[in-house]
């Protein structure tokens, strides 16, 4: 469950509401494509702009549609510990296999605060937990020392590393046996070369088979195949972040015919003309449009 190509699933919207029919179609498609896990209501799933009721309904819908065919790691993080516990309890009740827990954002906790936040969730709910370290969004970085300390908690099984630091990943792997998953598509190969076990991927929303080809090759020790997959994916991965995620990936999915609408919620806006041209060029070169 905690290796290979795991998809940071988008949340489809239509006319301001969650489009559950479109969401269910995406779940079925990822099962068909061979994705190895779904991660709904994370950053890519626009978790900051869904309310708690919507958040829970999305988790429940994905778990129900997956129906045991593919693991579901529910995004259940929040910057309020009590809310994260509530979402985690709900995730367990509806049958999610694990949760993704982002570092609390905006309130900028200390390292001790980070430790107590995740420890409180683990104490309240006995469900596997993937830590999510993304200082670019959350302002605070979970240090390797804090991550190693959290790794001693049985429920903490993995960390999604999105610091962009090879040194930090190396130090985490040296300090503990926690599974590391890449949080940056363009860094999946180098992180797996260090010892990471896979990726929670944005671009896998668009090309799941190609991301799986890369991770499977790395897990099998086939560096040549993995390197070729990485080189093909790299320009597309970079284009997915030409503006703030998930703006480009939703646009790309609409252009590729995977969703009828690329609707986003404010403060997410449509791509600028210049960014749209960059994305279109990358998709054309990849053969997607």
C-alpha atoms as a PDB file:
ATOM      1  CA  UNK A   1       0.000   0.000   0.000  1.00  0.00           C
ATOM      2  CA  UNK A   2       2.836   2.404   0.767  1.00  0.00           C
ATOM      3  CA  UNK A   3       4.916   1.990  -2.378  1.00  0.00           C
ATOM      4  CA  UNK A   4       4.754   2.541  -6.103  1.00  0.00           C
ATOM      5  CA  UNK A   5       2.533   5.073  -7.866  1.00  0.00           C
ATOM      6  CA  UNK A   6      -0.075   6.593  -5.544  1.00  0.00           C
ATOM      7  CA  UNK A   7      -2.297   9.258  -7.090  1.00  0.00           C
ATOM      8  CA  UNK A   8      -2.899  12.619  -5.404  1.00  0.00           C
ATOM      9  CA  UNK A   9      -6.459  12.640  -6.696  1.00  0.00           C
ATOM     10  CA  UNK A  10      -8.091  15.835  -7.970  1.00  0.00           C
ATOM     11  CA  UNK A  11     -11.563  16.832  -6.785  1.00  0.00           C
ATOM     12  CA  UNK A  12     -13.900  17.516  -9.729  1.00  0.00           C
ATOM     13  CA  UNK A  13     -16.298  20.436  -9.300  1.00  0.00           C
ATOM     14  CA  UNK A  14     -19.300  21.517 -11.339  1.00  0.00           C
ATOM     15  CA  UNK A  15     -21.337  24.681 -10.721  1.00  0.00           C
ATOM     16  CA  UNK A  16     -19.647  25.159  -7.368  1.00  0.00           C
ATOM     17  CA  UNK A  17     -20.366  21.664  -6.046  1.00  0.00           C
ATOM     18  CA  UNK A  18     -18.353  18.466  -5.862  1.00  0.00           C
ATOM     19  CA  UNK A  19     -19.048  16.395  -8.993  1.00  0.00           C
ATOM     20  CA  UNK A  20     -19.320  12.953  -7.427  1.00  0.00           C
ATOM     21  CA  UNK A  21     -20.165  11.204 -10.703  1.00  0.00           C
ATOM     22  CA  UNK A  22     -16.927  12.518 -12.236  1.00  0.00           C
ATOM     23  CA  UNK A  23     -15.028  11.530  -9.087  1.00  0.00           C
ATOM     24  CA  UNK A  24     -16.327   7.972  -9.317  1.00  0.00           C
ATOM     25  CA  UNK A  25     -15.307   7.768 -12.978  1.00  0.00           C
ATOM     26  CA  UNK A  26     -11.769   8.791 -12.021  1.00  0.00           C
ATOM     27  CA  UNK A  27     -11.614   6.081  -9.348  1.00  0.00           C
ATOM     28  CA  UNK A  28     -12.675   3.433 -11.893  1.00  0.00           C
ATOM     29  CA  UNK A  29     -10.165   4.744 -14.434  1.00  0.00           C
ATOM     30  CA  UNK A  30      -7.257   4.567 -12.004  1.00  0.00           C
ATOM     31  CA  UNK A  31      -8.166   1.006 -11.107  1.00  0.00           C
ATOM     32  CA  UNK A  32      -8.157   0.153 -14.823  1.00  0.00           C
ATOM     33  CA  UNK A  33      -4.852   1.964 -15.350  1.00  0.00           C
ATOM     34  CA  UNK A  34      -3.125   0.036 -12.581  1.00  0.00           C
ATOM     35  CA  UNK A  35      -2.490   2.848 -10.120  1.00  0.00           C
ATOM     36  CA  UNK A  36      -1.398   1.459  -6.762  1.00  0.00           C
ATOM     37  CA  UNK A  37      -3.289   3.778  -4.435  1.00  0.00           C
ATOM     38  CA  UNK A  38      -5.574   6.809  -4.319  1.00  0.00           C
ATOM     39  CA  UNK A  39      -5.005   9.821  -2.080  1.00  0.00           C
ATOM     40  CA  UNK A  40      -8.138  12.003  -2.134  1.00  0.00           C
ATOM     41  CA  UNK A  41      -8.585  15.417  -0.502  1.00  0.00           C
ATOM     42  CA  UNK A  42      -4.943  16.373  -0.268  1.00  0.00           C
ATOM     43  CA  UNK A  43      -3.436  19.547  -1.692  1.00  0.00           C
ATOM     44  CA  UNK A  44      -4.251  18.416  -5.236  1.00  0.00           C
ATOM     45  CA  UNK A  45      -7.789  17.637  -4.077  1.00  0.00           C
ATOM     46  CA  UNK A  46      -8.221  21.264  -2.936  1.00  0.00           C
ATOM     47  CA  UNK A  47      -8.681  20.325   0.714  1.00  0.00           C
ATOM     48  CA  UNK A  48      -8.396  23.970   1.917  1.00  0.00           C
ATOM     49  CA  UNK A  49     -11.572  24.967   0.046  1.00  0.00           C
ATOM     50  CA  UNK A  50     -13.882  22.051   0.816  1.00  0.00           C
ATOM     51  CA  UNK A  51     -15.828  22.236   4.055  1.00  0.00           C
ATOM     52  CA  UNK A  52     -15.772  19.394   6.578  1.00  0.00           C
ATOM     53  CA  UNK A  53     -19.024  17.872   5.293  1.00  0.00           C
ATOM     54  CA  UNK A  54     -17.765  17.884   1.693  1.00  0.00           C
ATOM     55  CA  UNK A  55     -14.391  16.556   2.842  1.00  0.00           C
ATOM     56  CA  UNK A  56     -16.018  13.579   4.518  1.00  0.00           C
ATOM     57  CA  UNK A  57     -18.350  12.913   1.596  1.00  0.00           C
ATOM     58  CA  UNK A  58     -15.399  12.850  -0.826  1.00  0.00           C
ATOM     59  CA  UNK A  59     -13.512  10.347   1.340  1.00  0.00           C
ATOM     60  CA  UNK A  60     -16.609   8.168   1.682  1.00  0.00           C
ATOM     61  CA  UNK A  61     -17.325   8.285  -2.050  1.00  0.00           C
ATOM     62  CA  UNK A  62     -13.780   7.300  -3.027  1.00  0.00           C
ATOM     63  CA  UNK A  63     -13.649   4.450  -0.490  1.00  0.00           C
ATOM     64  CA  UNK A  64     -17.051   3.151  -1.577  1.00  0.00           C
ATOM     65  CA  UNK A  65     -16.213   3.305  -5.276  1.00  0.00           C
ATOM     66  CA  UNK A  66     -12.776   1.758  -4.775  1.00  0.00           C
ATOM     67  CA  UNK A  67     -14.535  -1.139  -3.039  1.00  0.00           C
ATOM     68  CA  UNK A  68     -11.289  -2.749  -1.991  1.00  0.00           C
ATOM     69  CA  UNK A  69      -9.933  -2.820  -5.556  1.00  0.00           C
ATOM     70  CA  UNK A  70      -7.304  -0.206  -4.741  1.00  0.00           C
ATOM     71  CA  UNK A  71      -6.069   1.197  -1.388  1.00  0.00           C
ATOM     72  CA  UNK A  72      -7.333   4.606  -0.286  1.00  0.00           C
ATOM     73  CA  UNK A  73      -5.115   6.886   1.796  1.00  0.00           C
ATOM     74  CA  UNK A  74      -7.543   9.612   2.812  1.00  0.00           C
ATOM     75  CA  UNK A  75      -6.325  13.168   3.153  1.00  0.00           C
ATOM     76  CA  UNK A  76      -7.417  13.891   6.723  1.00  0.00           C
ATOM     77  CA  UNK A  77      -5.018  16.636   7.731  1.00  0.00           C
ATOM     78  CA  UNK A  78      -5.911  20.013   9.189  1.00  0.00           C
ATOM     79  CA  UNK A  79      -4.194  22.861  10.965  1.00  0.00           C
ATOM     80  CA  UNK A  80      -6.454  22.268  13.976  1.00  0.00           C
ATOM     81  CA  UNK A  81      -5.618  19.007  15.734  1.00  0.00           C
ATOM     82  CA  UNK A  82      -9.234  18.419  16.776  1.00  0.00           C
ATOM     83  CA  UNK A  83     -10.415  18.686  13.160  1.00  0.00           C
ATOM     84  CA  UNK A  84      -7.696  16.305  11.965  1.00  0.00           C
ATOM     85  CA  UNK A  85      -8.816  13.796  14.607  1.00  0.00           C
ATOM     86  CA  UNK A  86     -12.443  14.155  13.504  1.00  0.00           C
ATOM     87  CA  UNK A  87     -11.523  13.564   9.848  1.00  0.00           C
ATOM     88  CA  UNK A  88      -9.310  10.628  10.791  1.00  0.00           C
ATOM     89  CA  UNK A  89     -12.053   8.987  12.841  1.00  0.00           C
ATOM     90  CA  UNK A  90     -14.421   9.411   9.929  1.00  0.00           C
ATOM     91  CA  UNK A  91     -11.871   7.934   7.513  1.00  0.00           C
ATOM     92  CA  UNK A  92     -11.514   4.842   9.664  1.00  0.00           C
ATOM     93  CA  UNK A  93     -15.274   4.471  10.088  1.00  0.00           C
ATOM     94  CA  UNK A  94     -15.905   4.453   6.325  1.00  0.00           C
ATOM     95  CA  UNK A  95     -13.073   2.012   5.626  1.00  0.00           C
ATOM     96  CA  UNK A  96     -10.098   4.053   4.413  1.00  0.00           C
ATOM     97  CA  UNK A  97      -6.870   2.074   4.532  1.00  0.00           C
ATOM     98  CA  UNK A  98      -4.772   4.942   5.941  1.00  0.00           C
ATOM     99  CA  UNK A  99      -4.662   8.727   6.160  1.00  0.00           C
ATOM    100  CA  UNK A 100      -2.354  11.432   4.855  1.00  0.00           C
ATOM    101  CA  UNK A 101      -1.638  14.017   7.568  1.00  0.00           C
ATOM    102  CA  UNK A 102      -0.208  17.335   6.426  1.00  0.00           C
ATOM    103  CA  UNK A 103       1.863  19.499   8.743  1.00  0.00           C
ATOM    104  CA  UNK A 104      -0.407  22.151  10.275  1.00  0.00           C
ATOM    105  CA  UNK A 105      -0.350  25.201   8.036  1.00  0.00           C
ATOM    106  CA  UNK A 106      -0.478  28.926   8.829  1.00  0.00           C
ATOM    107  CA  UNK A 107      -0.301  28.546  12.621  1.00  0.00           C
ATOM    108  CA  UNK A 108       3.389  27.579  12.233  1.00  0.00           C
ATOM    109  CA  UNK A 109       3.909  25.155  15.151  1.00  0.00           C
ATOM    110  CA  UNK A 110       7.249  24.416  16.752  1.00  0.00           C
ATOM    111  CA  UNK A 111       8.839  20.998  16.312  1.00  0.00           C
ATOM    112  CA  UNK A 112       7.334  20.006  19.667  1.00  0.00           C
ATOM    113  CA  UNK A 113       3.952  21.227  18.452  1.00  0.00           C
ATOM    114  CA  UNK A 114       4.292  19.147  15.303  1.00  0.00           C
ATOM    115  CA  UNK A 115       5.162  16.073  17.322  1.00  0.00           C
ATOM    116  CA  UNK A 116       2.226  16.519  19.704  1.00  0.00           C
ATOM    117  CA  UNK A 117      -0.196  17.164  16.825  1.00  0.00           C
ATOM    118  CA  UNK A 118       0.575  13.891  15.054  1.00  0.00           C
ATOM    119  CA  UNK A 119       0.912  11.958  18.308  1.00  0.00           C
ATOM    120  CA  UNK A 120      -2.551  13.130  19.380  1.00  0.00           C
ATOM    121  CA  UNK A 121      -4.079  11.904  16.114  1.00  0.00           C
ATOM    122  CA  UNK A 122      -2.354   8.538  16.476  1.00  0.00           C
ATOM    123  CA  UNK A 123      -3.527   8.201  20.084  1.00  0.00           C
ATOM    124  CA  UNK A 124      -7.120   9.017  19.130  1.00  0.00           C
ATOM    125  CA  UNK A 125      -7.402   6.767  16.069  1.00  0.00           C
ATOM    126  CA  UNK A 126      -5.675   3.466  15.378  1.00  0.00           C
ATOM    127  CA  UNK A 127      -5.160   3.860  11.626  1.00  0.00           C
ATOM    128  CA  UNK A 128      -1.921   3.952   9.592  1.00  0.00           C
ATOM    129  CA  UNK A 129      -0.708   7.505   9.028  1.00  0.00           C
ATOM    130  CA  UNK A 130       1.437   9.026   6.289  1.00  0.00           C
ATOM    131  CA  UNK A 131       3.059  12.276   7.383  1.00  0.00           C
ATOM    132  CA  UNK A 132       3.120  15.035   4.763  1.00  0.00           C
ATOM    133  CA  UNK A 133       6.018  17.462   4.908  1.00  0.00           C
ATOM    134  CA  UNK A 134       5.609  20.358   2.495  1.00  0.00           C
ATOM    135  CA  UNK A 135       7.138  23.557   3.908  1.00  0.00           C
ATOM    136  CA  UNK A 136       6.435  25.457   0.700  1.00  0.00           C
ATOM    137  CA  UNK A 137       2.734  25.280   1.580  1.00  0.00           C
ATOM    138  CA  UNK A 138       2.877  25.013   5.365  1.00  0.00           C
ATOM    139  CA  UNK A 139       5.749  27.442   6.158  1.00  0.00           C
ATOM    140  CA  UNK A 140       7.207  25.021   8.720  1.00  0.00           C
ATOM    141  CA  UNK A 141       9.558  22.118   7.957  1.00  0.00           C
ATOM    142  CA  UNK A 142       9.362  18.899   9.943  1.00  0.00           C
ATOM    143  CA  UNK A 143      12.993  18.182  10.700  1.00  0.00           C
ATOM    144  CA  UNK A 144      14.468  14.707  10.297  1.00  0.00           C
ATOM    145  CA  UNK A 145      14.799  14.582  14.076  1.00  0.00           C
ATOM    146  CA  UNK A 146      11.067  15.171  14.525  1.00  0.00           C
ATOM    147  CA  UNK A 147      10.188  12.681  11.804  1.00  0.00           C
ATOM    148  CA  UNK A 148      12.435  10.036  13.394  1.00  0.00           C
ATOM    149  CA  UNK A 149      10.780  10.703  16.735  1.00  0.00           C
ATOM    150  CA  UNK A 150       7.331  10.274  15.182  1.00  0.00           C
ATOM    151  CA  UNK A 151       8.478   7.069  13.466  1.00  0.00           C
ATOM    152  CA  UNK A 152       8.503   5.405  16.886  1.00  0.00           C
ATOM    153  CA  UNK A 153       4.689   5.716  17.008  1.00  0.00           C
ATOM    154  CA  UNK A 154       3.216   2.484  15.535  1.00  0.00           C
ATOM    155  CA  UNK A 155       0.535   4.266  13.490  1.00  0.00           C
ATOM    156  CA  UNK A 156       3.114   6.437  11.703  1.00  0.00           C
ATOM    157  CA  UNK A 157       4.175   4.320   8.730  1.00  0.00           C
ATOM    158  CA  UNK A 158       5.453   6.715   6.052  1.00  0.00           C
ATOM    159  CA  UNK A 159       6.291  10.286   5.141  1.00  0.00           C
ATOM    160  CA  UNK A 160       5.510  12.151   1.937  1.00  0.00           C
ATOM    161  CA  UNK A 161       8.641  14.250   1.444  1.00  0.00           C
ATOM    162  CA  UNK A 162       8.057  17.459  -0.507  1.00  0.00           C
ATOM    163  CA  UNK A 163      10.927  19.608   0.712  1.00  0.00           C
ATOM    164  CA  UNK A 164      12.930  19.141  -2.486  1.00  0.00           C
ATOM    165  CA  UNK A 165      15.970  18.284  -0.357  1.00  0.00           C
ATOM    166  CA  UNK A 166      18.049  15.222  -1.111  1.00  0.00           C
ATOM    167  CA  UNK A 167      19.903  15.804   2.164  1.00  0.00           C
ATOM    168  CA  UNK A 168      16.706  15.764   4.209  1.00  0.00           C
ATOM    169  CA  UNK A 169      15.540  12.525   2.601  1.00  0.00           C
ATOM    170  CA  UNK A 170      18.937  10.940   3.184  1.00  0.00           C
ATOM    171  CA  UNK A 171      18.888  11.966   6.832  1.00  0.00           C
ATOM    172  CA  UNK A 172      15.373  10.603   7.387  1.00  0.00           C
ATOM    173  CA  UNK A 173      16.363   7.271   5.881  1.00  0.00           C
ATOM    174  CA  UNK A 174      19.514   7.171   7.998  1.00  0.00           C
ATOM    175  CA  UNK A 175      17.655   7.966  11.229  1.00  0.00           C
ATOM    176  CA  UNK A 176      14.683   5.589  11.012  1.00  0.00           C
ATOM    177  CA  UNK A 177      12.959   2.838   9.033  1.00  0.00           C
ATOM    178  CA  UNK A 178      10.022   4.979   7.976  1.00  0.00           C
ATOM    179  CA  UNK A 179       8.866   4.547   4.376  1.00  0.00           C
ATOM    180  CA  UNK A 180       9.644   7.673   2.340  1.00  0.00           C
ATOM    181  CA  UNK A 181       7.412   8.637  -0.580  1.00  0.00           C
ATOM    182  CA  UNK A 182       8.302  11.410  -3.001  1.00  0.00           C
ATOM    183  CA  UNK A 183       6.055  14.442  -2.902  1.00  0.00           C
ATOM    184  CA  UNK A 184       7.580  15.972  -6.040  1.00  0.00           C
ATOM    185  CA  UNK A 185       7.025  14.221  -9.382  1.00  0.00           C
ATOM    186  CA  UNK A 186      10.231  15.518 -10.918  1.00  0.00           C
ATOM    187  CA  UNK A 187      12.257  14.122  -7.985  1.00  0.00           C
ATOM    188  CA  UNK A 188      10.744  10.644  -7.810  1.00  0.00           C
ATOM    189  CA  UNK A 189      13.692   8.911  -9.477  1.00  0.00           C
ATOM    190  CA  UNK A 190      16.442  10.552  -7.385  1.00  0.00           C
ATOM    191  CA  UNK A 191      14.506  10.068  -4.150  1.00  0.00           C
ATOM    192  CA  UNK A 192      13.903   6.415  -4.972  1.00  0.00           C
ATOM    193  CA  UNK A 193      17.595   6.068  -5.764  1.00  0.00           C
ATOM    194  CA  UNK A 194      18.215   7.190  -2.176  1.00  0.00           C
ATOM    195  CA  UNK A 195      15.740   4.646  -0.825  1.00  0.00           C
ATOM    196  CA  UNK A 196      12.243   6.101  -1.179  1.00  0.00           C
ATOM    197  CA  UNK A 197       9.576   3.543  -2.094  1.00  0.00           C
ATOM    198  CA  UNK A 198       7.384   5.495  -4.481  1.00  0.00           C
ATOM    199  CA  UNK A 199       5.498   8.739  -5.044  1.00  0.00           C
ATOM    200  CA  UNK A 200       2.239  10.441  -4.189  1.00  0.00           C
ATOM    201  CA  UNK A 201       1.897  11.896  -7.633  1.00  0.00           C
ATOM    202  CA  UNK A 202       0.139  14.838  -9.269  1.00  0.00           C
ATOM    203  CA  UNK A 203       1.031  13.925 -12.856  1.00  0.00           C
ATOM    204  CA  UNK A 204      -0.326  10.387 -12.325  1.00  0.00           C
ATOM    205  CA  UNK A 205      -3.778  11.973 -12.597  1.00  0.00           C
ATOM    206  CA  UNK A 206      -2.925  12.385 -16.284  1.00  0.00           C
ATOM    207  CA  UNK A 207      -0.471   9.578 -17.168  1.00  0.00           C
ATOM    208  CA  UNK A 208      -0.802   6.915 -14.446  1.00  0.00           C
ATOM    209  CA  UNK A 209       0.746   4.086 -16.467  1.00  0.00           C
ATOM    210  CA  UNK A 210       3.913   6.074 -17.133  1.00  0.00           C
ATOM    211  CA  UNK A 211       4.385   7.013 -13.471  1.00  0.00           C
ATOM    212  CA  UNK A 212       3.843   3.391 -12.499  1.00  0.00           C
ATOM    213  CA  UNK A 213       6.407   2.329 -15.116  1.00  0.00           C
ATOM    214  CA  UNK A 214       8.993   4.564 -13.451  1.00  0.00           C
ATOM    215  CA  UNK A 215       8.283   3.460  -9.873  1.00  0.00           C
ATOM    216  CA  UNK A 216       8.013  -0.223 -10.771  1.00  0.00           C
ATOM    217  CA  UNK A 217      11.337  -0.089 -12.603  1.00  0.00           C
ATOM    218  CA  UNK A 218      13.055   1.588  -9.652  1.00  0.00           C
ATOM    219  CA  UNK A 219      11.632  -0.924  -7.189  1.00  0.00           C
ATOM    220  CA  UNK A 220      12.891  -3.704  -9.446  1.00  0.00           C
ATOM    221  CA  UNK A 221      16.356  -2.152  -9.734  1.00  0.00           C
ATOM    222  CA  UNK A 222      15.935  -1.493 -13.473  1.00  0.00           C
ATOM    223  CA  UNK A 223      17.607   1.911 -13.617  1.00  0.00           C
ATOM    224  CA  UNK A 224      17.735   2.114 -17.411  1.00  0.00           C
ATOM    225  CA  UNK A 225      13.959   1.754 -17.769  1.00  0.00           C
ATOM    226  CA  UNK A 226      13.351   4.125 -14.870  1.00  0.00           C
ATOM    227  CA  UNK A 227      15.717   6.721 -16.298  1.00  0.00           C
ATOM    228  CA  UNK A 228      13.982   6.598 -19.681  1.00  0.00           C
ATOM    229  CA  UNK A 229      10.586   6.999 -18.004  1.00  0.00           C
ATOM    230  CA  UNK A 230      11.895   9.909 -15.919  1.00  0.00           C
ATOM    231  CA  UNK A 231      13.334  11.706 -18.931  1.00  0.00           C
ATOM    232  CA  UNK A 232      10.050  11.371 -20.798  1.00  0.00           C
ATOM    233  CA  UNK A 233       7.997  12.528 -17.814  1.00  0.00           C
ATOM    234  CA  UNK A 234      10.254  15.358 -16.659  1.00  0.00           C
ATOM    235  CA  UNK A 235       9.047  18.194 -18.960  1.00  0.00           C
ATOM    236  CA  UNK A 236       5.419  17.256 -18.269  1.00  0.00           C
ATOM    237  CA  UNK A 237       6.076  17.163 -14.522  1.00  0.00           C
ATOM    238  CA  UNK A 238       7.556  20.648 -14.645  1.00  0.00           C
ATOM    239  CA  UNK A 239       4.576  21.919 -16.641  1.00  0.00           C
ATOM    240  CA  UNK A 240       2.241  20.666 -13.905  1.00  0.00           C
ATOM    241  CA  UNK A 241       3.711  23.373 -11.667  1.00  0.00           C
ATOM    242  CA  UNK A 242       3.880  26.258 -14.116  1.00  0.00           C
ATOM    243  CA  UNK A 243       1.267  27.766 -11.783  1.00  0.00           C
ATOM    244  CA  UNK A 244      -0.014  26.681  -8.388  1.00  0.00           C
ATOM    245  CA  UNK A 245      -1.172  23.065  -8.139  1.00  0.00           C
ATOM    246  CA  UNK A 246      -3.885  21.937  -8.976  1.00  0.00           C
ATOM    247  CA  UNK A 247      -4.523  24.615 -11.599  1.00  0.00           C
ATOM    248  CA  UNK A 248      -2.345  23.049 -14.354  1.00  0.00           C
ATOM    249  CA  UNK A 249      -3.299  19.404 -13.712  1.00  0.00           C
ATOM    250  CA  UNK A 250      -7.012  20.148 -13.827  1.00  0.00           C
ATOM    251  CA  UNK A 251      -6.553  22.093 -17.067  1.00  0.00           C
ATOM    252  CA  UNK A 252      -4.497  19.252 -18.540  1.00  0.00           C
ATOM    253  CA  UNK A 253      -7.097  16.654 -17.572  1.00  0.00           C
ATOM    254  CA  UNK A 254      -9.833  18.640 -19.299  1.00  0.00           C
ATOM    255  CA  UNK A 255      -7.739  19.042 -22.438  1.00  0.00           C
ATOM    256  CA  UNK A 256      -6.965  15.307 -22.429  1.00  0.00           C
ATOM    257  CA  UNK A 257     -10.655  14.452 -22.114  1.00  0.00           C
ATOM    258  CA  UNK A 258     -10.387  12.962 -18.631  1.00  0.00           C
ATOM    259  CA  UNK A 259     -12.794  15.502 -17.113  1.00  0.00           C
ATOM    260  CA  UNK A 260     -15.496  17.619 -18.689  1.00  0.00           C
ATOM    261  CA  UNK A 261     -14.756  20.543 -16.404  1.00  0.00           C
ATOM    262  CA  UNK A 262     -11.564  21.955 -14.913  1.00  0.00           C
ATOM    263  CA  UNK A 263     -13.524  24.062 -12.436  1.00  0.00           C
ATOM    264  CA  UNK A 264     -11.599  25.172  -9.373  1.00  0.00           C
ATOM    265  CA  UNK A 265     -12.552  27.058  -6.254  1.00  0.00           C
ATOM    266  CA  UNK A 266     -11.279  30.521  -5.458  1.00  0.00           C
ATOM    267  CA  UNK A 267      -8.623  31.524  -4.706  1.00  0.00           C
ATOM    268  CA  UNK A 268      -7.546  29.040  -7.422  1.00  0.00           C
ATOM    269  CA  UNK A 269      -8.052  30.669 -10.840  1.00  0.00           C
ATOM    270  CA  UNK A 270      -7.676  29.639 -14.479  1.00  0.00           C
ATOM    271  CA  UNK A 271      -4.251  29.459 -16.093  1.00  0.00           C
ATOM    272  CA  UNK A 272      -2.863  32.652 -17.554  1.00  0.00           C
ATOM    273  CA  UNK A 273      -2.456  32.709 -21.328  1.00  0.00           C
ATOM    274  CA  UNK A 274       1.331  32.348 -21.089  1.00  0.00           C
ATOM    275  CA  UNK A 275       1.118  29.411 -18.677  1.00  0.00           C
ATOM    276  CA  UNK A 276      -1.567  27.753 -20.791  1.00  0.00           C
ATOM    277  CA  UNK A 277       0.761  27.902 -23.788  1.00  0.00           C
ATOM    278  CA  UNK A 278       3.582  26.328 -21.758  1.00  0.00           C
ATOM    279  CA  UNK A 279       1.281  23.512 -20.631  1.00  0.00           C
ATOM    280  CA  UNK A 280      -0.146  22.978 -24.111  1.00  0.00           C
ATOM    281  CA  UNK A 281       3.351  22.723 -25.598  1.00  0.00           C
ATOM    282  CA  UNK A 282       4.413  20.148 -22.999  1.00  0.00           C
ATOM    283  CA  UNK A 283       1.286  18.073 -23.605  1.00  0.00           C
ATOM    284  CA  UNK A 284       1.760  18.202 -27.379  1.00  0.00           C
ATOM    285  CA  UNK A 285       5.379  17.101 -27.080  1.00  0.00           C
ATOM    286  CA  UNK A 286       4.272  14.247 -24.834  1.00  0.00           C
ATOM    287  CA  UNK A 287       1.629  13.180 -27.355  1.00  0.00           C
ATOM    288  CA  UNK A 288      -1.382  13.864 -25.135  1.00  0.00           C
ATOM    289  CA  UNK A 289      -3.045  16.450 -27.411  1.00  0.00           C
END
